[in-house]
Amino acid sequence: MYNFSKNKIWYHGTLSLFKHSFNTIKIPTKSRPLDFGSGFYLTENKQQAIRWAKRITRQYNKVRKINKPQAFPMLITFTIDFKNINDFKTNDFGNRMSSSLLNFLIDNRLANSANNDFDLVYGLVADGVHLLDTLRAYQLKIISLDMAKKTIVYKYAQTQLCIRNSKFTKEYVSILGKDILTL
């Protein structure tokens, strides 16, 4: 198992529109069909966060109203102190695809009703053009774990940390910087 808590620097990609209002992390409470459910997502891979910021900025600018300001990608850098991680309920899937991670993804992405009471969840980013179809096929045992792995995982394994506990963010997560990027 990969020890994600050894990493001190983490990144989040978002829109420049949040530069002045983004001073604390707000954990979403509304259930959303994301890899690890609702939460605040970070990565230790700076380039991954930059790609994400650029992606959502392009999406926002494509549909923004004329009276709304244009957005630019923003990279937020954080430091996390994991010294009291054992005080929190953690699910660490490591940096490899497994059947337990696939089942967790199915619960979160398809059912949007995972029994997910974890404070922190760490594991691979699930991606792919046919992500939901692949999860359904695996769930119905139409395809094997090996076939699902090949379809879902990025060419280069990318990981994410989902923080679902606001106490953890207030006590152990600090913003180091906010950088506006070019598209």
Protein backbone atom coordinates (compact mmCIF):
# COMPACT_ATOMS: atom_id res chain seq x y z
CA MET A 1 0.00 0.00 0.00
CA TYR A 2 1.22 3.48 -0.85
CA ASN A 3 1.66 5.79 2.13
CA PHE A 4 -0.01 9.00 0.94
CA SER A 5 0.48 10.69 4.31
CA LYS A 6 4.22 11.10 3.66
CA ASN A 7 3.38 13.85 1.14
CA LYS A 8 3.27 17.33 2.62
CA ILE A 9 2.49 19.41 -0.50
CA TRP A 10 -0.83 18.99 -2.33
CA TYR A 11 -2.54 20.84 -5.19
CA HIS A 12 -6.04 21.81 -6.26
CA GLY A 13 -6.96 23.19 -9.68
CA THR A 14 -9.90 25.56 -9.95
CA LEU A 15 -11.12 28.85 -11.48
CA SER A 16 -9.49 32.24 -10.92
CA LEU A 17 -12.93 33.61 -9.99
CA PHE A 18 -12.42 32.09 -6.54
CA LYS A 19 -9.05 33.72 -5.82
CA HIS A 20 -10.31 36.29 -3.31
CA SER A 21 -13.07 34.20 -1.74
CA PHE A 22 -11.02 31.03 -1.38
CA ASN A 23 -9.50 31.30 2.08
CA THR A 24 -10.84 28.16 3.69
CA ILE A 25 -11.86 24.77 2.35
CA LYS A 26 -15.57 24.17 2.27
CA ILE A 27 -16.54 20.50 2.23
CA PRO A 28 -19.55 20.01 -0.07
CA THR A 29 -22.49 18.44 1.74
CA LYS A 30 -24.59 17.66 -1.32
CA SER A 31 -24.11 14.12 -2.56
CA ARG A 32 -22.35 14.07 -5.94
CA PRO A 33 -21.44 11.07 -8.11
CA LEU A 34 -17.65 11.52 -7.96
CA ASP A 35 -14.95 8.87 -7.53
CA PHE A 36 -14.92 9.09 -3.74
CA GLY A 37 -18.21 10.93 -3.20
CA SER A 38 -18.63 14.52 -2.09
CA GLY A 39 -15.56 16.15 -0.67
CA PHE A 40 -12.64 18.43 -1.42
CA TYR A 41 -10.24 16.82 -3.92
CA LEU A 42 -6.46 17.31 -3.97
CA THR A 43 -3.55 15.68 -5.75
CA GLU A 44 0.17 15.50 -5.07
CA ASN A 45 0.75 15.85 -8.82
CA LYS A 46 1.07 19.54 -9.72
CA GLN A 47 0.67 18.93 -13.47
CA GLN A 48 -2.53 16.97 -12.85
CA ALA A 49 -4.00 19.90 -10.89
CA ILE A 50 -2.95 22.34 -13.63
CA ARG A 51 -4.60 20.16 -16.31
CA TRP A 52 -7.79 20.02 -14.22
CA ALA A 53 -7.80 23.81 -13.69
CA LYS A 54 -7.40 24.39 -17.43
CA ARG A 55 -10.12 21.86 -18.25
CA ILE A 56 -12.76 23.38 -15.97
CA THR A 57 -11.76 26.90 -17.03
CA ARG A 58 -12.32 26.03 -20.70
CA GLN A 59 -15.71 24.50 -19.79
CA TYR A 60 -16.72 27.56 -17.76
CA ASN A 61 -15.64 30.08 -20.41
CA LYS A 62 -17.44 28.12 -23.12
CA VAL A 63 -20.84 28.48 -21.40
CA ARG A 64 -20.40 31.71 -19.41
CA LYS A 65 -22.86 34.54 -19.88
CA ILE A 66 -21.69 37.75 -21.52
CA ASN A 67 -22.12 39.70 -18.28
CA LYS A 68 -19.95 37.24 -16.34
CA PRO A 69 -16.17 37.68 -16.10
CA GLN A 70 -13.84 35.44 -18.04
CA ALA A 71 -12.08 32.87 -15.88
CA PHE A 72 -8.47 31.75 -15.88
CA PRO A 73 -7.05 28.55 -14.39
CA MET A 74 -5.87 28.80 -10.80
CA LEU A 75 -3.56 26.45 -8.94
CA ILE A 76 -3.86 26.38 -5.16
CA THR A 77 -1.00 24.83 -3.20
CA PHE A 78 -1.60 23.32 0.22
CA THR A 79 0.43 21.77 2.98
CA ILE A 80 -1.11 18.99 5.05
CA ASP A 81 0.05 17.82 8.44
CA PHE A 82 -0.87 14.15 8.80
CA LYS A 83 0.53 13.71 12.33
CA ASN A 84 -2.91 12.85 13.77
CA ILE A 85 -4.23 10.92 10.79
CA ASN A 86 -5.13 7.98 13.03
CA ASP A 87 -7.78 10.17 14.65
CA PHE A 88 -9.66 10.12 11.34
CA LYS A 89 -11.37 7.34 9.42
CA THR A 90 -9.22 6.79 6.33
CA ASN A 91 -9.63 4.61 3.25
CA ASP A 92 -6.34 4.24 1.37
CA PHE A 93 -6.71 2.36 -1.92
CA GLY A 94 -3.07 3.05 -2.77
CA ASN A 95 -1.89 3.79 -6.28
CA ARG A 96 -3.10 0.61 -7.99
CA MET A 97 -6.48 -0.41 -9.34
CA SER A 98 -8.13 -3.19 -7.35
CA SER A 99 -11.51 -4.86 -7.12
CA SER A 100 -12.20 -3.04 -3.83
CA LEU A 101 -11.51 0.33 -5.51
CA LEU A 102 -13.71 -0.61 -8.48
CA ASN A 103 -16.56 -1.55 -6.14
CA PHE A 104 -16.11 1.71 -4.25
CA LEU A 105 -16.22 3.62 -7.57
CA ILE A 106 -19.40 1.77 -8.54
CA ASP A 107 -21.04 2.73 -5.24
CA ASN A 108 -20.07 6.39 -5.66
CA ARG A 109 -20.34 6.89 -9.41
CA LEU A 110 -23.34 4.71 -10.27
CA ALA A 111 -25.40 4.41 -7.11
CA ASN A 112 -24.33 7.77 -5.66
CA SER A 113 -25.16 6.15 -2.36
CA ALA A 114 -21.95 4.63 -1.10
CA ASN A 115 -21.76 3.79 2.55
CA ASN A 116 -18.98 6.31 2.67
CA ASP A 117 -18.38 7.64 6.13
CA PHE A 118 -14.65 8.11 5.62
CA ASP A 119 -12.94 11.37 6.52
CA LEU A 120 -10.16 10.87 3.97
CA VAL A 121 -10.11 8.69 0.86
CA TYR A 122 -7.01 8.20 -1.28
CA GLY A 123 -6.62 6.33 -4.55
CA LEU A 124 -6.42 6.44 -8.31
CA VAL A 125 -8.34 8.90 -10.43
CA ALA A 126 -10.93 6.98 -12.43
CA ASP A 127 -11.15 8.26 -15.96
CA GLY A 128 -11.84 7.15 -19.45
CA VAL A 129 -14.24 7.88 -22.24
CA HIS A 130 -16.43 4.95 -21.25
CA LEU A 131 -16.01 5.14 -17.47
CA LEU A 132 -19.64 4.58 -16.46
CA ASP A 133 -20.17 1.87 -19.08
CA THR A 134 -17.03 0.10 -17.86
CA LEU A 135 -18.16 0.27 -14.23
CA ARG A 136 -21.59 -1.14 -15.17
CA ALA A 137 -20.00 -3.95 -17.20
CA TYR A 138 -17.68 -4.84 -14.32
CA GLN A 139 -20.55 -4.68 -11.82
CA LEU A 140 -22.57 -7.11 -13.98
CA LYS A 141 -19.49 -9.35 -14.41
CA ILE A 142 -19.49 -8.81 -18.18
CA ILE A 143 -15.83 -7.81 -18.09
CA SER A 144 -12.93 -8.85 -15.88
CA LEU A 145 -10.94 -6.77 -13.42
CA ASP A 146 -8.04 -6.69 -15.91
CA MET A 147 -10.27 -5.35 -18.70
CA ALA A 148 -11.78 -2.72 -16.38
CA LYS A 149 -8.28 -1.63 -15.30
CA LYS A 150 -7.19 -1.09 -18.89
CA THR A 151 -10.28 0.98 -19.67
CA ILE A 152 -10.51 3.16 -16.56
CA VAL A 153 -7.00 4.11 -15.48
CA TYR A 154 -5.00 6.93 -17.04
CA LYS A 155 -1.97 5.96 -19.10
CA TYR A 156 0.05 7.25 -16.14
CA ALA A 157 -1.54 6.45 -12.80
CA GLN A 158 -2.75 9.65 -11.18
CA THR A 159 -3.95 9.78 -7.62
CA GLN A 160 -6.25 11.95 -5.57
CA LEU A 161 -7.08 12.64 -1.96
CA CYS A 162 -10.68 13.38 -1.07
CA ILE A 163 -11.12 15.20 2.23
CA ARG A 164 -14.61 14.79 3.64
CA ASN A 165 -14.12 16.15 7.17
CA SER A 166 -14.11 19.89 7.85
CA LYS A 167 -12.37 19.43 11.22
CA PHE A 168 -9.42 17.89 9.38
CA THR A 169 -9.23 20.81 6.93
CA LYS A 170 -9.41 23.43 9.69
CA GLU A 171 -6.75 21.84 11.88
CA TYR A 172 -4.31 20.22 9.46
CA VAL A 173 -4.59 21.82 6.01
CA SER A 174 -3.03 25.21 5.16
CA ILE A 175 -3.00 27.22 1.94
CA LEU A 176 0.53 28.01 0.79
CA GLY A 177 -0.33 29.92 -2.37
CA LYS A 178 -2.77 30.72 -5.17
CA ASP A 179 -1.40 31.15 -8.67
CA ILE A 180 -3.33 32.36 -11.72
CA LEU A 181 -2.23 30.47 -14.84
CA THR A 182 -2.61 31.03 -18.58
CA LEU A 183 -4.79 28.81 -20.72
